[in-house]
Amino acid sequence: MKRSVGSFALVLVLGFCARAGAQTADEPSSAPTVGDPGHWAVSLERAFGFDYVKETQSVGGVDQQTGSATSFSLFSNPLSPVVTAFSFPRAGVDVFVAPGLSLGTSLAVFHGSQSITPTGGTETSESFTGVVVTPRIGYVAHLAPSISFWPRAGISIIYVSSSASTSGGVDISQTSDLIAGTVEAPLVFTVAPRVAFTFGPTFDISFSGARSQTPAGSGTTTIDEKVMEIGAQAGLVVTL
């Protein structure tokens, strides 16, 4: 079964939460909130929630395979027949360059592996490692003293390297490159000075993607990929 290390984001954000929790009692009136100009927001994003993903693979413009899945995940990519990099938790950093206006990026680094041995058969081992970088722009609208709306839009750049081998000596390696548009529209609920939870819809759709497969001793085959993912995701944000 796949075991994925979603992101270093959880440790990063929890450290800032510990710092925020140690603030003095008189800080709430002066503590910055999401959207205040000149401040930074450090986030754990897509930590848990629901996802629907559809993936289409084609060669020479002819569709070869289409898969879809609906799943729920907690601090990891969901275990489903269709696995995409959009589902992994990520760390985000944004700076508010003007009242409500944010510029930033998010980053996910992940790794997973599995080993399967059918009864009386040969063992098959697979592993993958990848990275997702999403530069973005956003705007915070304050709806209430402790509730804000923070829509963001950006471009996701994804690279994944994977390999598979069997004890019988069959090996294959592949790489995937994907560029996609990403839109997120979370509500931000302030629960303590500097600390807030986020929850809202996410939408990712690729406009360029390819997977290159190279079996041992053979030539490389390129497969075009199209991915669309819709979700409702939760996270945590700390304002510095």
Protein backbone atom coordinates (compact mmCIF):
# COMPACT_ATOMS: atom_id res chain seq x y z
CA MET A 1 0.00 0.00 0.00
CA LYS A 2 1.25 3.47 -0.79
CA ARG A 3 2.88 5.45 1.99
CA SER A 4 3.28 9.12 1.24
CA VAL A 5 5.21 11.83 3.06
CA GLY A 6 2.96 14.73 2.09
CA SER A 7 4.94 17.80 3.12
CA PHE A 8 7.21 19.39 5.68
CA ALA A 9 4.49 22.04 6.01
CA LEU A 10 2.85 20.54 9.09
CA VAL A 11 5.98 20.84 11.24
CA LEU A 12 6.67 24.33 9.93
CA VAL A 13 3.24 25.73 10.70
CA LEU A 14 2.86 24.01 14.08
CA GLY A 15 6.07 25.70 15.14
CA PHE A 16 4.60 29.09 14.35
CA CYS A 17 1.37 28.10 16.13
CA ALA A 18 3.37 27.40 19.29
CA ARG A 19 4.90 30.83 19.02
CA ALA A 20 1.50 32.45 18.46
CA GLY A 21 0.01 30.62 21.44
CA ALA A 22 2.69 32.10 23.69
CA GLN A 23 1.61 35.68 22.95
CA THR A 24 0.67 37.81 25.97
CA ALA A 25 -2.92 38.46 26.95
CA ASP A 26 -2.82 42.12 25.88
CA GLU A 27 -1.78 41.29 22.29
CA PRO A 28 -5.22 40.55 20.70
CA SER A 29 -6.00 44.23 20.19
CA SER A 30 -2.77 44.83 18.26
CA ALA A 31 -1.99 41.45 16.72
CA PRO A 32 -1.95 41.50 12.89
CA THR A 33 -4.53 39.55 10.95
CA VAL A 34 -4.63 38.11 7.45
CA GLY A 35 -4.67 40.97 4.95
CA ASP A 36 -2.85 43.59 7.02
CA PRO A 37 -0.27 45.35 4.80
CA GLY A 38 3.40 44.78 5.56
CA HIS A 39 2.79 41.41 7.22
CA TRP A 40 3.44 37.83 6.16
CA ALA A 41 1.20 34.76 6.26
CA VAL A 42 2.67 31.27 6.64
CA SER A 43 0.21 28.49 5.83
CA LEU A 44 -0.38 24.79 5.94
CA GLU A 45 -2.66 24.22 2.95
CA ARG A 46 -4.82 21.32 1.73
CA ALA A 47 -4.19 19.56 5.02
CA PHE A 48 -7.46 17.68 4.85
CA GLY A 49 -10.64 17.68 2.80
CA PHE A 50 -12.44 16.21 -0.17
CA ASP A 51 -11.26 15.83 -3.75
CA TYR A 52 -12.64 14.85 -7.12
CA VAL A 53 -10.02 14.26 -9.80
CA LYS A 54 -10.23 13.29 -13.46
CA GLU A 55 -7.17 12.34 -15.49
CA THR A 56 -6.96 11.63 -19.23
CA GLN A 57 -3.92 10.15 -20.97
CA SER A 58 -3.50 10.34 -24.74
CA VAL A 59 -0.93 9.55 -27.42
CA GLY A 60 -0.83 11.50 -30.66
CA GLY A 61 -4.08 13.26 -29.78
CA VAL A 62 -5.97 9.99 -29.27
CA ASP A 63 -7.28 9.29 -25.77
CA GLN A 64 -5.87 6.06 -24.36
CA GLN A 65 -7.11 6.04 -20.78
CA THR A 66 -9.39 8.08 -18.51
CA GLY A 67 -9.68 7.70 -14.76
CA SER A 68 -11.51 9.52 -11.99
CA ALA A 69 -11.78 9.26 -8.21
CA THR A 70 -13.49 10.94 -5.26
CA SER A 71 -11.74 10.78 -1.89
CA PHE A 72 -11.12 12.26 1.55
CA SER A 73 -7.61 12.75 2.94
CA LEU A 74 -5.97 13.85 6.21
CA PHE A 75 -2.38 15.20 6.01
CA SER A 76 -1.61 13.04 2.97
CA ASN A 77 -2.53 12.28 -0.60
CA PRO A 78 -5.69 10.12 -0.69
CA LEU A 79 -5.26 6.45 -1.46
CA SER A 80 -7.15 6.13 -4.71
CA PRO A 81 -6.68 4.65 -8.18
CA VAL A 82 -5.97 8.14 -9.53
CA VAL A 83 -3.17 9.99 -7.72
CA THR A 84 -2.28 13.60 -8.58
CA ALA A 85 0.18 16.03 -7.08
CA PHE A 86 -2.56 18.60 -6.40
CA SER A 87 -3.86 16.53 -3.48
CA PHE A 88 -0.71 16.67 -1.37
CA PRO A 89 -0.46 19.09 1.60
CA ARG A 90 1.75 22.08 1.01
CA ALA A 91 3.40 25.03 2.77
CA GLY A 92 2.47 28.54 1.70
CA VAL A 93 4.12 31.93 2.21
CA ASP A 94 2.40 35.19 1.25
CA VAL A 95 3.25 38.85 1.83
CA PHE A 96 0.60 41.58 1.91
CA VAL A 97 2.01 44.34 -0.26
CA ALA A 98 -1.08 46.55 0.11
CA PRO A 99 -4.26 46.37 2.19
CA GLY A 100 -5.73 42.96 1.35
CA LEU A 101 -3.43 42.34 -1.65
CA SER A 102 -1.15 39.29 -1.33
CA LEU A 103 1.72 37.92 -3.39
CA GLY A 104 3.17 34.53 -2.56
CA THR A 105 3.77 30.93 -3.39
CA SER A 106 3.07 27.46 -2.07
CA LEU A 107 5.36 24.44 -2.11
CA ALA A 108 4.81 20.70 -1.71
CA VAL A 109 7.54 18.05 -1.68
CA PHE A 110 6.38 14.45 -1.56
CA HIS A 111 7.54 10.86 -1.79
CA GLY A 112 5.69 7.55 -1.86
CA SER A 113 6.43 3.87 -2.36
CA GLN A 114 4.74 0.51 -2.44
CA SER A 115 5.72 -3.13 -2.76
CA ILE A 116 3.36 -5.87 -3.98
CA THR A 117 4.04 -9.62 -4.03
CA PRO A 118 1.24 -11.82 -5.40
CA THR A 119 1.01 -15.29 -3.92
CA GLY A 120 3.45 -17.41 -5.88
CA GLY A 121 4.49 -14.40 -7.99
CA THR A 122 7.37 -11.96 -8.21
CA GLU A 123 7.67 -8.81 -6.14
CA THR A 124 6.94 -5.45 -7.77
CA SER A 125 8.33 -2.29 -6.17
CA GLU A 126 7.32 1.26 -7.10
CA SER A 127 8.33 4.68 -5.83
CA PHE A 128 7.80 8.31 -6.76
CA THR A 129 9.17 11.70 -5.74
CA GLY A 130 7.86 15.07 -6.78
CA VAL A 131 7.53 18.79 -6.18
CA VAL A 132 4.74 21.34 -6.73
CA VAL A 133 5.43 25.10 -6.86
CA THR A 134 2.54 27.56 -7.20
CA PRO A 135 3.28 31.31 -7.46
CA ARG A 136 0.04 33.24 -6.91
CA ILE A 137 -1.78 36.51 -6.26
CA GLY A 138 -4.72 37.01 -3.92
CA TYR A 139 -6.98 39.49 -2.19
CA VAL A 140 -8.44 39.39 1.34
CA ALA A 141 -11.96 40.73 1.93
CA HIS A 142 -12.94 41.11 5.58
CA LEU A 143 -16.50 39.85 6.12
CA ALA A 144 -16.60 40.09 9.93
CA PRO A 145 -14.10 40.81 12.74
CA SER A 146 -12.95 37.17 12.75
CA ILE A 147 -13.96 36.00 9.25
CA SER A 148 -12.33 36.88 5.93
CA PHE A 149 -12.53 35.68 2.33
CA TRP A 150 -9.17 35.12 0.61
CA PRO A 151 -9.44 34.09 -3.07
CA ARG A 152 -6.12 33.37 -4.80
CA ALA A 153 -5.13 32.47 -8.36
CA GLY A 154 -1.83 31.17 -9.70
CA ILE A 155 0.09 28.75 -11.87
CA SER A 156 1.10 25.30 -10.58
CA ILE A 157 4.34 23.80 -11.89
CA ILE A 158 4.72 20.08 -11.16
CA TYR A 159 7.57 17.63 -11.64
CA VAL A 160 7.36 13.96 -10.64
CA SER A 161 9.94 11.20 -11.08
CA SER A 162 8.98 7.57 -10.54
CA SER A 163 10.31 4.08 -11.09
CA ALA A 164 9.08 0.50 -10.96
CA SER A 165 10.95 -2.78 -10.86
CA THR A 166 10.27 -6.47 -10.34
CA SER A 167 12.37 -9.17 -8.83
CA GLY A 168 12.20 -10.78 -12.25
CA GLY A 169 14.36 -8.02 -13.69
CA VAL A 170 11.78 -5.78 -15.42
CA ASP A 171 12.47 -2.08 -14.82
CA ILE A 172 10.77 1.11 -15.99
CA SER A 173 11.32 4.76 -15.15
CA GLN A 174 9.18 7.77 -15.93
CA THR A 175 8.96 11.51 -15.43
CA SER A 176 5.94 13.79 -15.50
CA ASP A 177 5.80 17.53 -16.14
CA LEU A 178 2.59 19.48 -15.65
CA ILE A 179 1.59 23.15 -15.79
CA ALA A 180 -1.85 24.05 -14.51
CA GLY A 181 -4.04 26.95 -13.51
CA THR A 182 -4.93 26.95 -9.80
CA VAL A 183 -7.74 28.83 -8.05
CA GLU A 184 -8.42 28.68 -4.30
CA ALA A 185 -11.16 30.55 -2.44
CA PRO A 186 -10.92 29.81 1.30
CA LEU A 187 -12.76 31.44 4.16
CA VAL A 188 -10.37 32.45 6.96
CA PHE A 189 -11.60 32.00 10.54
CA THR A 190 -9.42 33.75 13.16
CA VAL A 191 -9.36 31.61 16.32
CA ALA A 192 -6.50 33.25 18.27
CA PRO A 193 -4.13 36.21 17.86
CA ARG A 194 -2.27 35.66 14.58
CA VAL A 195 -3.79 32.17 14.07
CA ALA A 196 -6.65 31.21 11.76
CA PHE A 197 -8.17 28.14 10.15
CA THR A 198 -9.03 28.11 6.46
CA PHE A 199 -11.63 26.17 4.52
CA GLY A 200 -12.89 26.53 0.98
CA PRO A 201 -13.00 25.25 -2.59
CA THR A 202 -9.96 24.52 -4.75
CA PHE A 203 -9.80 24.09 -8.51
CA ASP A 204 -6.86 22.92 -10.62
CA ILE A 205 -6.85 22.29 -14.36
CA SER A 206 -3.82 21.52 -16.51
CA PHE A 207 -3.14 23.16 -19.86
CA SER A 208 0.18 21.43 -20.52
CA GLY A 209 1.38 18.02 -19.39
CA ALA A 210 3.37 15.01 -20.51
CA ARG A 211 4.64 11.74 -19.07
CA SER A 212 7.76 10.09 -20.48
CA GLN A 213 8.16 6.34 -19.91
CA THR A 214 11.41 4.47 -20.50
CA PRO A 215 11.45 0.69 -20.04
CA ALA A 216 14.91 -0.78 -19.49
CA GLY A 217 16.55 -1.47 -22.83
CA SER A 218 13.78 0.27 -24.82
CA GLY A 219 13.02 3.69 -26.24
CA THR A 220 11.08 6.45 -24.53
CA THR A 221 7.34 6.82 -25.00
CA THR A 222 5.65 10.17 -24.35
CA ILE A 223 2.06 10.30 -23.11
CA ASP A 224 0.08 13.54 -22.94
CA GLU A 225 -1.77 14.16 -19.66
CA LYS A 226 -4.80 16.27 -18.83
CA VAL A 227 -5.80 16.66 -15.19
CA MET A 228 -8.74 18.40 -13.55
CA GLU A 229 -9.21 18.41 -9.78
CA ILE A 230 -11.99 19.98 -7.69
CA GLY A 231 -11.87 19.97 -3.91
CA ALA A 232 -12.96 21.46 -0.60
CA GLN A 233 -9.86 21.77 1.55
CA ALA A 234 -8.94 22.98 5.03
CA GLY A 235 -5.71 24.37 6.45
CA LEU A 236 -4.06 26.66 8.97
CA VAL A 237 -2.50 30.12 8.62
CA VAL A 238 -0.27 32.16 10.96
CA THR A 239 0.21 35.92 10.43
CA LEU A 240 3.64 37.34 11.24
